[in-house]
C-alpha atoms as a PDB file:
ATOM      1  CA  MET A   1      -5.561   0.376 -36.959  1.00  0.00           C
ATOM      2  CA  ALA A   2      -5.633  -1.963 -34.042  1.00  0.00           C
ATOM      3  CA  VAL A   3      -3.692  -1.054 -30.999  1.00  0.00           C
ATOM      4  CA  ASN A   4      -1.001  -3.541 -30.308  1.00  0.00           C
ATOM      5  CA  TYR A   5      -1.285  -4.152 -26.729  1.00  0.00           C
ATOM      6  CA  GLU A   6       2.199  -6.063 -26.802  1.00  0.00           C
ATOM      7  CA  ASP A   7       3.936  -3.087 -27.610  1.00  0.00           C
ATOM      8  CA  GLN A   8       7.416  -2.842 -25.363  1.00  0.00           C
ATOM      9  CA  ARG A   9       6.017   0.425 -23.967  1.00  0.00           C
ATOM     10  CA  PHE A  10       2.889  -1.152 -22.343  1.00  0.00           C
ATOM     11  CA  GLN A  11       5.305  -3.683 -21.005  1.00  0.00           C
ATOM     12  CA  ASP A  12       7.728  -1.002 -19.857  1.00  0.00           C
ATOM     13  CA  VAL A  13       4.718   0.719 -17.799  1.00  0.00           C
ATOM     14  CA  LYS A  14       3.761  -2.394 -16.305  1.00  0.00           C
ATOM     15  CA  ALA A  15       6.943  -3.444 -14.931  1.00  0.00           C
ATOM     16  CA  GLU A  16       7.743   0.010 -13.510  1.00  0.00           C
ATOM     17  CA  GLU A  17       4.211  -0.214 -12.034  1.00  0.00           C
ATOM     18  CA  GLN A  18       5.183  -3.674 -10.417  1.00  0.00           C
ATOM     19  CA  GLN A  19       8.409  -2.452  -9.253  1.00  0.00           C
ATOM     20  CA  ALA A  20       6.720   0.516  -7.690  1.00  0.00           C
ATOM     21  CA  LEU A  21       4.329  -1.654  -5.755  1.00  0.00           C
ATOM     22  CA  ALA A  22       7.092  -4.096  -4.916  1.00  0.00           C
ATOM     23  CA  ASN A  23       9.012  -1.258  -3.180  1.00  0.00           C
ATOM     24  CA  VAL A  24       5.868   0.105  -1.296  1.00  0.00           C
ATOM     25  CA  ASN A  25       4.839  -3.277  -0.224  1.00  0.00           C
ATOM     26  CA  GLN A  26       8.277  -3.922   1.167  1.00  0.00           C
ATOM     27  CA  MET A  27       8.419  -0.626   3.042  1.00  0.00           C
ATOM     28  CA  TYR A  28       5.168  -0.972   4.703  1.00  0.00           C
ATOM     29  CA  ASP A  29       6.037  -4.837   5.578  1.00  0.00           C
ATOM     30  CA  ASN A  30       8.984  -3.909   7.308  1.00  0.00           C
ATOM     31  CA  MET A  31       7.212  -0.914   9.301  1.00  0.00           C
ATOM     32  CA  VAL A  32       4.474  -3.663  10.337  1.00  0.00           C
ATOM     33  CA  SER A  33       6.980  -5.972  11.237  1.00  0.00           C
ATOM     34  CA  GLU A  34       8.816  -3.657  13.371  1.00  0.00           C
ATOM     35  CA  SER A  35       5.618  -2.223  14.984  1.00  0.00           C
ATOM     36  CA  ASN A  36       4.945  -5.979  15.859  1.00  0.00           C
ATOM     37  CA  ASN A  37       8.291  -6.398  17.350  1.00  0.00           C
ATOM     38  CA  PHE A  38       7.903  -3.073  19.406  1.00  0.00           C
ATOM     39  CA  TYR A  39       4.680  -3.924  20.629  1.00  0.00           C
ATOM     40  CA  GLN A  40       5.270  -7.440  21.732  1.00  0.00           C
ATOM     41  CA  SER A  41       8.390  -6.431  23.235  1.00  0.00           C
ATOM     42  CA  GLN A  42       6.301  -3.781  25.299  1.00  0.00           C
ATOM     43  CA  ILE A  43       3.820  -6.475  26.182  1.00  0.00           C
ATOM     44  CA  ASP A  44       6.394  -8.832  27.476  1.00  0.00           C
ATOM     45  CA  ALA A  45       7.924  -6.070  29.552  1.00  0.00           C
ATOM     46  CA  ALA A  46       4.612  -5.598  31.086  1.00  0.00           C
ATOM     47  CA  LYS A  47       4.224  -9.283  31.774  1.00  0.00           C
ATOM     48  CA  GLU A  48       7.445  -9.516  33.322  1.00  0.00           C
ATOM     49  CA  TYR A  49       7.006  -6.475  35.536  1.00  0.00           C
ATOM     50  CA  GLY A  50       3.596  -7.874  36.835  1.00  0.00           C
ATOM     51  CA  ASP A  51       5.365 -11.362  37.455  1.00  0.00           C
ATOM     52  CA  LYS A  52       7.978  -9.523  39.466  1.00  0.00           C
ATOM     53  CA  GLN A  53       5.727  -7.398  41.494  1.00  0.00           C
ATOM     54  CA  ALA A  54       3.755 -10.380  42.228  1.00  0.00           C
ATOM     55  CA  GLU A  55       7.038 -12.160  43.384  1.00  0.00           C
ATOM     56  CA  ILE A  56       7.742  -9.122  45.479  1.00  0.00           C
ATOM     57  CA  GLN A  57       4.234  -9.396  47.015  1.00  0.00           C
ATOM     58  CA  GLN A  58       4.305 -12.889  47.643  1.00  0.00           C
ATOM     59  CA  ALA A  59       7.670 -12.579  49.292  1.00  0.00           C
ATOM     60  CA  ASN A  60       6.623 -10.001  51.601  1.00  0.00           C
ATOM     61  CA  THR A  61       3.335 -11.873  52.392  1.00  0.00           C
ATOM     62  CA  ASP A  62       5.567 -14.843  52.967  1.00  0.00           C
ATOM     63  CA  PHE A  63       7.928 -12.860  55.343  1.00  0.00           C
ATOM     64  CA  ALA A  64       4.812 -11.466  57.260  1.00  0.00           C
ATOM     65  CA  ILE A  65       3.442 -14.807  57.946  1.00  0.00           C
ATOM     66  CA  GLU A  66       6.755 -16.272  58.844  1.00  0.00           C
ATOM     67  CA  GLN A  67       6.817 -13.576  61.405  1.00  0.00           C
ATOM     68  CA  ILE A  68       3.507 -14.306  62.899  1.00  0.00           C
ATOM     69  CA  ASN A  69       4.180 -18.219  63.080  1.00  0.00           C
ATOM     70  CA  GLN A  70       7.522 -16.997  64.960  1.00  0.00           C
ATOM     71  CA  GLN A  71       5.221 -15.285  67.351  1.00  0.00           C
ATOM     72  CA  LYS A  72       2.707 -17.836  67.744  1.00  0.00           C
ATOM     73  CA  GLU A  73       5.630 -20.426  68.490  1.00  0.00           C
ATOM     74  CA  GLN A  74       6.783 -18.033  71.008  1.00  0.00           C
ATOM     75  CA  ALA A  75       3.215 -17.759  72.507  1.00  0.00           C
ATOM     76  CA  GLN A  76       3.403 -21.514  72.841  1.00  0.00           C
ATOM     77  CA  LYS A  77       6.518 -21.545  74.566  1.00  0.00           C
ATOM     78  CA  ASP A  78       5.443 -18.849  76.886  1.00  0.00           C
ATOM     79  CA  TYR A  79       2.260 -21.016  77.504  1.00  0.00           C
ATOM     80  CA  VAL A  80       4.147 -24.144  78.306  1.00  0.00           C
ATOM     81  CA  LYS A  81       6.436 -22.050  80.486  1.00  0.00           C
ATOM     82  CA  GLU A  82       3.502 -20.716  82.393  1.00  0.00           C
ATOM     83  CA  GLN A  83       2.194 -24.175  82.740  1.00  0.00           C
ATOM     84  CA  LYS A  84       5.319 -25.526  84.333  1.00  0.00           C
ATOM     85  CA  GLY A  85       5.763 -22.242  86.394  1.00  0.00           C
ATOM     86  CA  ALA A  86       2.313 -23.032  87.857  1.00  0.00           C
ATOM     87  CA  TYR A  87       2.825 -26.529  88.328  1.00  0.00           C
ATOM     88  CA  VAL A  88       6.126 -25.873  90.563  1.00  0.00           C
ATOM     89  CA  ASP A  89       4.633 -22.892  92.536  1.00  0.00           C
ATOM     90  CA  TRP A  90       1.513 -25.372  93.258  1.00  0.00           C
ATOM     91  CA  GLN A  91       4.024 -28.095  94.330  1.00  0.00           C
ATOM     92  CA  LYS A  92       5.906 -25.931  96.580  1.00  0.00           C
ATOM     93  CA  GLN A  93       2.873 -24.766  98.372  1.00  0.00           C
ATOM     94  CA  SER A  94       1.297 -27.905  98.704  1.00  0.00           C
ATOM     95  CA  ASN A  95       4.474 -29.594  99.935  1.00  0.00           C
ATOM     96  CA  PRO A  96       3.821 -31.297 103.328  1.00  0.00           C
ATOM     97  CA  TYR A  97       7.482 -30.863 103.886  1.00  0.00           C
ATOM     98  CA  GLY A  98       7.724 -27.300 102.503  1.00  0.00           C
ATOM     99  CA  ALA A  99       8.050 -23.854 103.727  1.00  0.00           C
ATOM    100  CA  GLU A 100       4.370 -23.354 103.803  1.00  0.00           C
ATOM    101  CA  ALA A 101       3.529 -26.488 105.891  1.00  0.00           C
ATOM    102  CA  GLU A 102       6.250 -25.784 108.178  1.00  0.00           C
ATOM    103  CA  LYS A 103       4.687 -22.312 108.647  1.00  0.00           C
ATOM    104  CA  LEU A 104       1.338 -24.052 109.376  1.00  0.00           C
ATOM    105  CA  ALA A 105       2.606 -26.487 111.670  1.00  0.00           C
ATOM    106  CA  GLN A 106       4.373 -23.807 113.845  1.00  0.00           C
ATOM    107  CA  ASN A 107       0.947 -22.003 114.076  1.00  0.00           C
ATOM    108  CA  GLY A 108      -0.458 -25.477 114.827  1.00  0.00           C
ATOM    109  CA  LEU A 109      -2.925 -25.098 111.767  1.00  0.00           C
ATOM    110  CA  LEU A 110      -1.289 -27.930 109.787  1.00  0.00           C
ATOM    111  CA  HIS A 111      -3.909 -30.552 110.219  1.00  0.00           C
ATOM    112  CA  SER A 112      -6.735 -28.237 111.032  1.00  0.00           C
ATOM    113  CA  GLY A 113      -9.517 -27.134 108.924  1.00  0.00           C
ATOM    114  CA  TYR A 114      -7.441 -24.046 107.665  1.00  0.00           C
ATOM    115  CA  GLY A 115      -4.800 -26.438 106.535  1.00  0.00           C
ATOM    116  CA  GLU A 116      -6.945 -28.041 104.437  1.00  0.00           C
ATOM    117  CA  THR A 117      -8.691 -24.947 102.974  1.00  0.00           C
ATOM    118  CA  SER A 118      -5.342 -23.745 102.246  1.00  0.00           C
ATOM    119  CA  GLN A 119      -4.306 -26.948 100.301  1.00  0.00           C
ATOM    120  CA  VAL A 120      -7.689 -26.294  98.426  1.00  0.00           C
ATOM    121  CA  ALA A 121      -7.110 -22.463  97.678  1.00  0.00           C
ATOM    122  CA  MET A 122      -3.548 -23.453  96.368  1.00  0.00           C
ATOM    123  CA  TYR A 123      -4.960 -26.054  93.857  1.00  0.00           C
ATOM    124  CA  THR A 124      -7.339 -23.714  92.933  1.00  0.00           C
ATOM    125  CA  ALA A 125      -4.939 -21.168  92.226  1.00  0.00           C
ATOM    126  CA  TYR A 126      -3.100 -23.305  90.424  1.00  0.00           C
ATOM    127  CA  GLN A 127      -6.062 -24.618  88.320  1.00  0.00           C
ATOM    128  CA  ASN A 128      -6.799 -20.995  87.481  1.00  0.00           C
ATOM    129  CA  ARG A 129      -3.361 -20.031  86.503  1.00  0.00           C
ATOM    130  CA  LEU A 130      -3.356 -22.874  84.005  1.00  0.00           C
ATOM    131  CA  ALA A 131      -6.631 -21.892  82.819  1.00  0.00           C
ATOM    132  CA  GLN A 132      -5.465 -18.151  82.582  1.00  0.00           C
ATOM    133  CA  ALA A 133      -2.356 -19.287  80.623  1.00  0.00           C
ATOM    134  CA  ARG A 134      -4.257 -21.506  78.411  1.00  0.00           C
ATOM    135  CA  ASP A 135      -6.605 -18.797  77.611  1.00  0.00           C
ATOM    136  CA  THR A 136      -4.305 -16.460  76.908  1.00  0.00           C
ATOM    137  CA  TYR A 137      -2.627 -18.815  74.524  1.00  0.00           C
ATOM    138  CA  ASN A 138      -5.567 -19.690  72.589  1.00  0.00           C
ATOM    139  CA  LYS A 139      -6.405 -16.028  72.308  1.00  0.00           C
ATOM    140  CA  ALA A 140      -2.809 -15.348  70.857  1.00  0.00           C
ATOM    141  CA  VAL A 141      -3.022 -18.530  68.589  1.00  0.00           C
ATOM    142  CA  LEU A 142      -6.268 -17.168  67.209  1.00  0.00           C
ATOM    143  CA  ASN A 143      -4.912 -13.632  66.522  1.00  0.00           C
ATOM    144  CA  TYR A 144      -1.857 -15.137  64.687  1.00  0.00           C
ATOM    145  CA  ASP A 145      -4.060 -17.442  62.798  1.00  0.00           C
ATOM    146  CA  ASN A 146      -6.459 -14.566  61.732  1.00  0.00           C
ATOM    147  CA  GLY A 147      -3.254 -12.548  60.825  1.00  0.00           C
ATOM    148  CA  ILE A 148      -2.053 -15.284  58.814  1.00  0.00           C
ATOM    149  CA  LYS A 149      -5.323 -15.450  57.058  1.00  0.00           C
ATOM    150  CA  GLU A 150      -5.739 -11.670  56.649  1.00  0.00           C
ATOM    151  CA  ALA A 151      -2.142 -11.582  54.959  1.00  0.00           C
ATOM    152  CA  GLN A 152      -2.985 -14.372  52.701  1.00  0.00           C
ATOM    153  CA  LEU A 153      -6.123 -12.585  51.505  1.00  0.00           C
ATOM    154  CA  THR A 154      -4.493  -9.332  51.394  1.00  0.00           C
ATOM    155  CA  ASN A 155      -1.858 -11.142  49.265  1.00  0.00           C
ATOM    156  CA  ASN A 156      -4.184 -12.564  47.119  1.00  0.00           C
ATOM    157  CA  ALA A 157      -6.011  -9.417  46.646  1.00  0.00           C
ATOM    158  CA  ALA A 158      -2.583  -7.590  45.880  1.00  0.00           C
ATOM    159  CA  LEU A 159      -1.562 -10.681  43.669  1.00  0.00           C
ATOM    160  CA  ALA A 160      -5.081 -10.127  41.974  1.00  0.00           C
ATOM    161  CA  GLU A 161      -4.417  -6.245  41.492  1.00  0.00           C
ATOM    162  CA  ILE A 162      -1.180  -6.823  40.246  1.00  0.00           C
ATOM    163  CA  SER A 163      -2.073  -9.376  37.688  1.00  0.00           C
ATOM    164  CA  TYR A 164      -5.092  -7.258  36.650  1.00  0.00           C
ATOM    165  CA  ASN A 165      -2.909  -4.033  36.239  1.00  0.00           C
ATOM    166  CA  ALA A 166      -0.288  -5.943  34.314  1.00  0.00           C
ATOM    167  CA  LEU A 167      -2.987  -7.769  31.898  1.00  0.00           C
ATOM    168  CA  LYS A 168      -4.534  -4.269  31.472  1.00  0.00           C
ATOM    169  CA  THR A 169      -1.232  -2.666  30.365  1.00  0.00           C
ATOM    170  CA  GLN A 170      -0.898  -5.743  28.069  1.00  0.00           C
ATOM    171  CA  LEU A 171      -4.395  -5.519  26.506  1.00  0.00           C
ATOM    172  CA  ALA A 172      -3.775  -1.590  26.169  1.00  0.00           C
ATOM    173  CA  LEU A 173      -0.385  -1.934  24.277  1.00  0.00           C
ATOM    174  CA  GLY A 174      -2.112  -4.918  21.992  1.00  0.00           C
ATOM    175  CA  LEU A 175      -4.986  -2.656  21.191  1.00  0.00           C
ATOM    176  CA  GLU A 176      -2.434   0.205  20.490  1.00  0.00           C
ATOM    177  CA  GLY A 177      -0.211  -1.981  18.423  1.00  0.00           C
ATOM    178  CA  PHE A 178      -3.397  -3.222  16.466  1.00  0.00           C
ATOM    179  CA  GLN A 179      -4.534   0.154  15.762  1.00  0.00           C
ATOM    180  CA  TYR A 180      -0.891   1.469  14.545  1.00  0.00           C
ATOM    181  CA  LYS A 181      -0.693  -1.676  12.430  1.00  0.00           C
ATOM    182  CA  ASN A 182      -4.318  -1.244  10.861  1.00  0.00           C
ATOM    183  CA  GLN A 183      -3.325   2.445  10.070  1.00  0.00           C
ATOM    184  CA  LEU A 184      -0.105   1.274   8.159  1.00  0.00           C
ATOM    185  CA  LEU A 185      -2.085  -1.307   6.351  1.00  0.00           C
ATOM    186  CA  GLN A 186      -4.448   1.544   5.262  1.00  0.00           C
ATOM    187  CA  GLN A 187      -1.462   3.818   4.197  1.00  0.00           C
ATOM    188  CA  GLN A 188      -0.197   0.748   2.418  1.00  0.00           C
ATOM    189  CA  LEU A 189      -3.494   0.392   0.529  1.00  0.00           C
ATOM    190  CA  ALA A 190      -3.287   4.123  -0.353  1.00  0.00           C
ATOM    191  CA  GLN A 191      -0.149   4.256  -1.668  1.00  0.00           C
ATOM    192  CA  GLN A 192      -0.888   0.981  -3.798  1.00  0.00           C
ATOM    193  CA  ASN A 193      -3.650   2.898  -5.264  1.00  0.00           C
ATOM    194  CA  GLU A 194      -1.725   5.929  -5.601  1.00  0.00           C
ATOM    195  CA  VAL A 195       0.870   3.757  -7.700  1.00  0.00           C
ATOM    196  CA  GLY A 196      -2.125   2.139  -9.704  1.00  0.00           C
ATOM    197  CA  ASP A 197      -3.552   5.520 -10.303  1.00  0.00           C
ATOM    198  CA  ARG A 198      -0.269   6.913 -11.621  1.00  0.00           C
ATOM    199  CA  TYR A 199       0.827   4.098 -13.623  1.00  0.00           C
ATOM    200  CA  TYR A 200      -2.838   3.731 -15.038  1.00  0.00           C
ATOM    201  CA  SER A 201      -2.387   7.557 -16.379  1.00  0.00           C
ATOM    202  CA  ARG A 202       1.089   6.651 -18.025  1.00  0.00           C
ATOM    203  CA  TRP A 203      -0.638   3.740 -19.580  1.00  0.00           C
ATOM    204  CA  LYS A 204      -3.248   5.806 -21.101  1.00  0.00           C
ATOM    205  CA  ASP A 205      -0.627   8.390 -22.035  1.00  0.00           C
ATOM    206  CA  VAL A 206       1.244   5.460 -24.133  1.00  0.00           C
ATOM    207  CA  LEU A 207      -2.166   4.394 -25.484  1.00  0.00           C
ATOM    208  CA  ASN A 208      -2.651   8.008 -26.514  1.00  0.00           C
ATOM    209  CA  GLN A 209       0.581   8.236 -27.992  1.00  0.00           C
ATOM    210  CA  ILE A 210       0.282   4.975 -30.133  1.00  0.00           C
ATOM    211  CA  ASN A 211      -3.392   5.984 -31.172  1.00  0.00           C
ATOM    212  CA  THR A 212      -1.842   9.148 -32.387  1.00  0.00           C
ATOM    213  CA  GLU A 213       1.066   7.428 -34.263  1.00  0.00           C
ATOM    214  CA  ASN A 214      -1.809   5.075 -35.869  1.00  0.00           C
ATOM    215  CA  ALA A 215      -3.885   7.768 -36.833  1.00  0.00           C
ATOM    216  CA  LEU A 216      -0.795   9.760 -38.466  1.00  0.00           C
ATOM    217  CA  ALA A 217       0.264   6.444 -40.165  1.00  0.00           C
ATOM    218  CA  GLU A 218      -3.323   6.108 -41.504  1.00  0.00           C
ATOM    219  CA  GLN A 219      -3.204   9.579 -42.796  1.00  0.00           C
ATOM    220  CA  GLN A 220      -0.104   8.802 -44.467  1.00  0.00           C
ATOM    221  CA  ARG A 221      -1.264   5.678 -46.005  1.00  0.00           C
ATOM    222  CA  GLN A 222      -4.507   7.657 -47.408  1.00  0.00           C
ATOM    223  CA  PHE A 223      -1.926  10.471 -48.752  1.00  0.00           C
ATOM    224  CA  ASN A 224       0.200   7.743 -50.231  1.00  0.00           C
ATOM    225  CA  ALA A 225      -2.887   5.890 -51.736  1.00  0.00           C
ATOM    226  CA  SER A 226      -4.347   8.815 -53.057  1.00  0.00           C
ATOM    227  CA  LEU A 227      -0.965  10.408 -54.469  1.00  0.00           C
ATOM    228  CA  SER A 228      -0.564   6.971 -55.980  1.00  0.00           C
ATOM    229  CA  ALA A 229      -4.031   7.151 -57.617  1.00  0.00           C
ATOM    230  CA  LYS A 230      -3.580  10.867 -58.944  1.00  0.00           C
ATOM    231  CA  ASN A 231      -0.046   9.328 -60.408  1.00  0.00           C
ATOM    232  CA  SER A 232      -1.722   6.722 -62.204  1.00  0.00           C
ATOM    233  CA  SER A 233      -4.275   9.066 -63.532  1.00  0.00           C
ATOM    234  CA  ASN A 234      -1.650  11.514 -64.764  1.00  0.00           C
ATOM    235  CA  ASN A 235       0.020   8.476 -66.346  1.00  0.00           C
ATOM    236  CA  THR A 236      -3.048   7.779 -68.588  1.00  0.00           C
ATOM    237  CA  TYR A 237      -3.111  11.682 -70.076  1.00  0.00           C
ATOM    238  CA  THR A 238      -2.585  11.441 -73.808  1.00  0.00           C
ATOM    239  CA  VAL A 239       0.418  12.827 -75.155  1.00  0.00           C
ATOM    240  CA  SER A 240       0.858  13.814 -78.977  1.00  0.00           C
ATOM    241  CA  ASN A 241       3.687  15.594 -81.031  1.00  0.00           C
ATOM    242  CA  ASN A 242       2.715  18.486 -83.115  1.00  0.00           C
ATOM    243  CA  SER A 243       6.159  19.052 -84.451  1.00  0.00           C
ATOM    244  CA  LYS A 244       6.728  18.718 -88.333  1.00  0.00           C
ATOM    245  CA  ASN A 245       8.831  15.743 -87.938  1.00  0.00           C
ATOM    246  CA  SER A 246       6.751  13.655 -85.975  1.00  0.00           C
ATOM    247  CA  GLY A 247       7.433  10.055 -86.050  1.00  0.00           C
ATOM    248  CA  SER A 248       5.013   7.342 -85.012  1.00  0.00           C
ATOM    249  CA  SER A 249       4.850   3.817 -83.720  1.00  0.00           C
ATOM    250  CA  SER A 250       2.666   1.904 -86.383  1.00  0.00           C
ATOM    251  CA  GLY A 251      -0.432   0.442 -84.875  1.00  0.00           C
ATOM    252  CA  SER A 252       0.241   1.979 -81.490  1.00  0.00           C
ATOM    253  CA  VAL A 253      -2.020   3.839 -79.119  1.00  0.00           C
ATOM    254  CA  PHE A 254       0.030   6.850 -79.061  1.00  0.00           C
ATOM    255  CA  ASP A 255      -0.241   7.185 -82.792  1.00  0.00           C
ATOM    256  CA  THR A 256      -3.864   7.460 -82.538  1.00  0.00           C
ATOM    257  CA  ILE A 257      -3.541   9.806 -79.812  1.00  0.00           C
ATOM    258  CA  ALA A 258      -1.253  11.918 -81.716  1.00  0.00           C
ATOM    259  CA  ASN A 259      -3.200  12.335 -84.642  1.00  0.00           C
ATOM    260  CA  GLY A 260      -6.189  13.397 -82.779  1.00  0.00           C
ATOM    261  CA  VAL A 261      -4.092  15.978 -81.082  1.00  0.00           C
ATOM    262  CA  ALA A 262      -2.510  17.294 -84.215  1.00  0.00           C
ATOM    263  CA  ASN A 263      -6.107  17.344 -86.141  1.00  0.00           C
ATOM    264  CA  SER A 264      -7.429  19.361 -82.965  1.00  0.00           C
ATOM    265  CA  LEU A 265      -4.640  21.575 -83.301  1.00  0.00           C
ATOM    266  CA  LYS A 266      -5.096  22.522 -86.916  1.00  0.00           C
ATOM    267  CA  ASN A 267      -8.795  22.862 -86.596  1.00  0.00           C
ATOM    268  CA  ALA A 268      -7.938  25.517 -83.705  1.00  0.00           C
ATOM    269  CA  ALA A 269      -5.159  27.194 -85.771  1.00  0.00           C
ATOM    270  CA  SER A 270      -7.880  27.715 -88.800  1.00  0.00           C
ATOM    271  CA  LYS A 271     -10.387  28.922 -86.789  1.00  0.00           C
ATOM    272  CA  SER A 272      -8.291  31.830 -85.090  1.00  0.00           C
ATOM    273  CA  LYS A 273      -5.045  33.641 -86.193  1.00  0.00           C
ATOM    274  CA  ASN A 274      -3.652  36.363 -83.819  1.00  0.00           C
ATOM    275  CA  SER A 275      -0.001  37.378 -84.292  1.00  0.00           C
ATOM    276  CA  ASN A 276      -0.156  38.409 -80.773  1.00  0.00           C
ATOM    277  CA  TYR A 277       0.153  34.554 -79.491  1.00  0.00           C
ATOM    278  CA  LYS A 278       2.837  32.150 -80.587  1.00  0.00           C
ATOM    279  CA  GLU A 279       1.825  28.579 -80.945  1.00  0.00           C
ATOM    280  CA  THR A 280       3.923  26.048 -79.005  1.00  0.00           C
ATOM    281  CA  ASP A 281       4.436  22.401 -78.980  1.00  0.00           C
ATOM    282  CA  TYR A 282       2.302  21.871 -76.176  1.00  0.00           C
ATOM    283  CA  VAL A 283      -1.176  21.050 -75.399  1.00  0.00           C
ATOM    284  CA  ILE A 284      -3.694  20.812 -72.135  1.00  0.00           C
ATOM    285  CA  GLN A 285      -6.592  18.903 -71.308  1.00  0.00           C
ATOM    286  CA  ASP A 286      -9.213  21.093 -69.625  1.00  0.00           C
ATOM    287  CA  ALA A 287     -11.424  19.326 -66.943  1.00  0.00           C
ATOM    288  CA  ASN A 288     -13.607  17.877 -69.603  1.00  0.00           C
ATOM    289  CA  GLY A 289     -10.717  16.168 -71.205  1.00  0.00           C
ATOM    290  CA  ASN A 290     -10.792  18.168 -74.305  1.00  0.00           C
ATOM    291  CA  THR A 291      -7.386  18.843 -75.719  1.00  0.00           C
ATOM    292  CA  LEU A 292      -6.505  22.285 -76.297  1.00  0.00           C
ATOM    293  CA  PRO A 293      -3.504  24.092 -77.810  1.00  0.00           C
ATOM    294  CA  VAL A 294      -1.217  26.397 -75.745  1.00  0.00           C
ATOM    295  CA  TYR A 295      -0.047  29.597 -76.947  1.00  0.00           C
ATOM    296  CA  GLU A 296       2.825  31.899 -75.681  1.00  0.00           C
ATOM    297  CA  SER A 297       2.421  35.597 -75.517  1.00  0.00           C
ATOM    298  CA  ALA A 298       5.012  38.211 -76.124  1.00  0.00           C
ATOM    299  CA  ASN A 299       5.681  38.715 -72.358  1.00  0.00           C
ATOM    300  CA  GLY A 300       6.089  34.807 -71.965  1.00  0.00           C
ATOM    301  CA  SER A 301       2.490  33.991 -70.406  1.00  0.00           C
ATOM    302  CA  LEU A 302       0.929  31.013 -71.473  1.00  0.00           C
ATOM    303  CA  TYR A 303      -2.509  30.811 -72.892  1.00  0.00           C
ATOM    304  CA  TYR A 304      -4.571  28.108 -74.457  1.00  0.00           C
ATOM    305  CA  TYR A 305      -7.587  28.501 -77.278  1.00  0.00           C
ATOM    306  CA  ASP A 306     -10.698  27.270 -76.191  1.00  0.00           C
ATOM    307  CA  GLY A 307     -12.207  27.807 -79.730  1.00  0.00           C
ATOM    308  CA  ASN A 308     -13.565  31.244 -79.106  1.00  0.00           C
ATOM    309  CA  GLU A 309     -11.021  33.179 -77.091  1.00  0.00           C
ATOM    310  CA  TYR A 310      -7.335  32.877 -75.737  1.00  0.00           C
ATOM    311  CA  LYS A 311      -7.416  32.282 -72.042  1.00  0.00           C
ATOM    312  CA  LEU A 312      -4.639  32.494 -69.572  1.00  0.00           C
ATOM    313  CA  TRP A 313      -3.432  29.249 -68.107  1.00  0.00           C
ATOM    314  CA  SER A 314      -3.011  29.007 -64.245  1.00  0.00           C
ATOM    315  CA  GLY A 315      -2.472  25.256 -64.048  1.00  0.00           C
ATOM    316  CA  SER A 316      -6.037  24.679 -62.398  1.00  0.00           C
ATOM    317  CA  LYS A 317      -7.824  23.345 -65.606  1.00  0.00           C
ATOM    318  CA  GLY A 318      -5.359  20.618 -66.361  1.00  0.00           C
ATOM    319  CA  ASN A 319      -1.993  19.434 -66.951  1.00  0.00           C
ATOM    320  CA  ILE A 320       0.175  20.832 -69.857  1.00  0.00           C
ATOM    321  CA  ILE A 321       1.867  17.982 -71.692  1.00  0.00           C
ATOM    322  CA  PRO A 322       4.230  17.791 -74.816  1.00  0.00           C
ATOM    323  CA  GLN A 323       2.565  17.028 -77.987  1.00  0.00           C
ATOM    324  CA  SER A 324       5.758  15.017 -79.040  1.00  0.00           C
ATOM    325  CA  LEU A 325       5.763  11.374 -78.154  1.00  0.00           C
ATOM    326  CA  LYS A 326       9.345  11.015 -77.675  1.00  0.00           C
ATOM    327  CA  GLY A 327      10.451  10.627 -74.284  1.00  0.00           C
ATOM    328  CA  LEU A 328       7.036  10.042 -73.161  1.00  0.00           C
ATOM    329  CA  GLY A 329       7.363   9.197 -69.388  1.00  0.00           C
ATOM    330  CA  GLY A 330       3.710  10.149 -68.155  1.00  0.00           C
ATOM    331  CA  GLY A 331       2.870  12.913 -65.843  1.00  0.00           C
ATOM    332  CA  GLY A 332       2.018  16.780 -66.791  1.00  0.00           C
ATOM    333  CA  HIS A 333       4.698  19.116 -67.518  1.00  0.00           C
ATOM    334  CA  GLY A 334       4.947  22.508 -66.097  1.00  0.00           C
ATOM    335  CA  PHE A 335       6.521  25.495 -67.468  1.00  0.00           C
END
């Protein structure tokens, strides 16, 4: 018998499998989503921290440069002040009406060679003072500019390091999140396979059960067919009436059978007379289809006469049937 794969039991197993898979997928999809959100928040936090560190670093550098520029401005002011001071001092010394000229005049040296030399010396001193002030200022400016450049380079290096560390942290978190997500997906696949295996086993159990039911149904069908055939065969057994008041239906097959049976009984009775056995109104058909009379012994056991001797009837040779045609309904009769 063919298997009906549309059986509701198959459909139930399939529906339960789909529900189990949906539950597994929903659970792991939620876990993957939560993992993505967690690691993304960690990456965002690392980036925000790096940006804040860079902001602090830039602020510190800007403040340092601002301080250097302030010192640079102060050096310029000092240089201008020194220029003015040198000029004022030179003017005082070279003033023909000043204290220095008066002192030379008192000594009679005002228009002498010494006086001229003094004027030259004072101007030279003034020029040297200006030159020294300019040199000092230029060196200070150079140092301040170098300090600014160094601060900028240091700041750039610090910013680069901050950016690198932040990026490295973000990459590490991204890799960790990817590995954890991949692990979850592998576990999800394993759970899906486990659900598939479990419900495939249940599907096979249903298939085995249906095959068993089909096999039993086929056995029942064959048994019923065999029983029907046997009953049909039993219904063809000839029945005759050996009673003295036997009636007949003229021209029927039963009359012919009954007459044949009666003649057989008469022949058998004429061949053997034994007072230990009482003749009954029944006959049997042996395995070869021969009709034999049935006798009852003093103790109630049934025997049949095969033409030579009495034999105990055990029911294995054939069916006992009544000789009378009255009440004929087919089938054997057991005592």
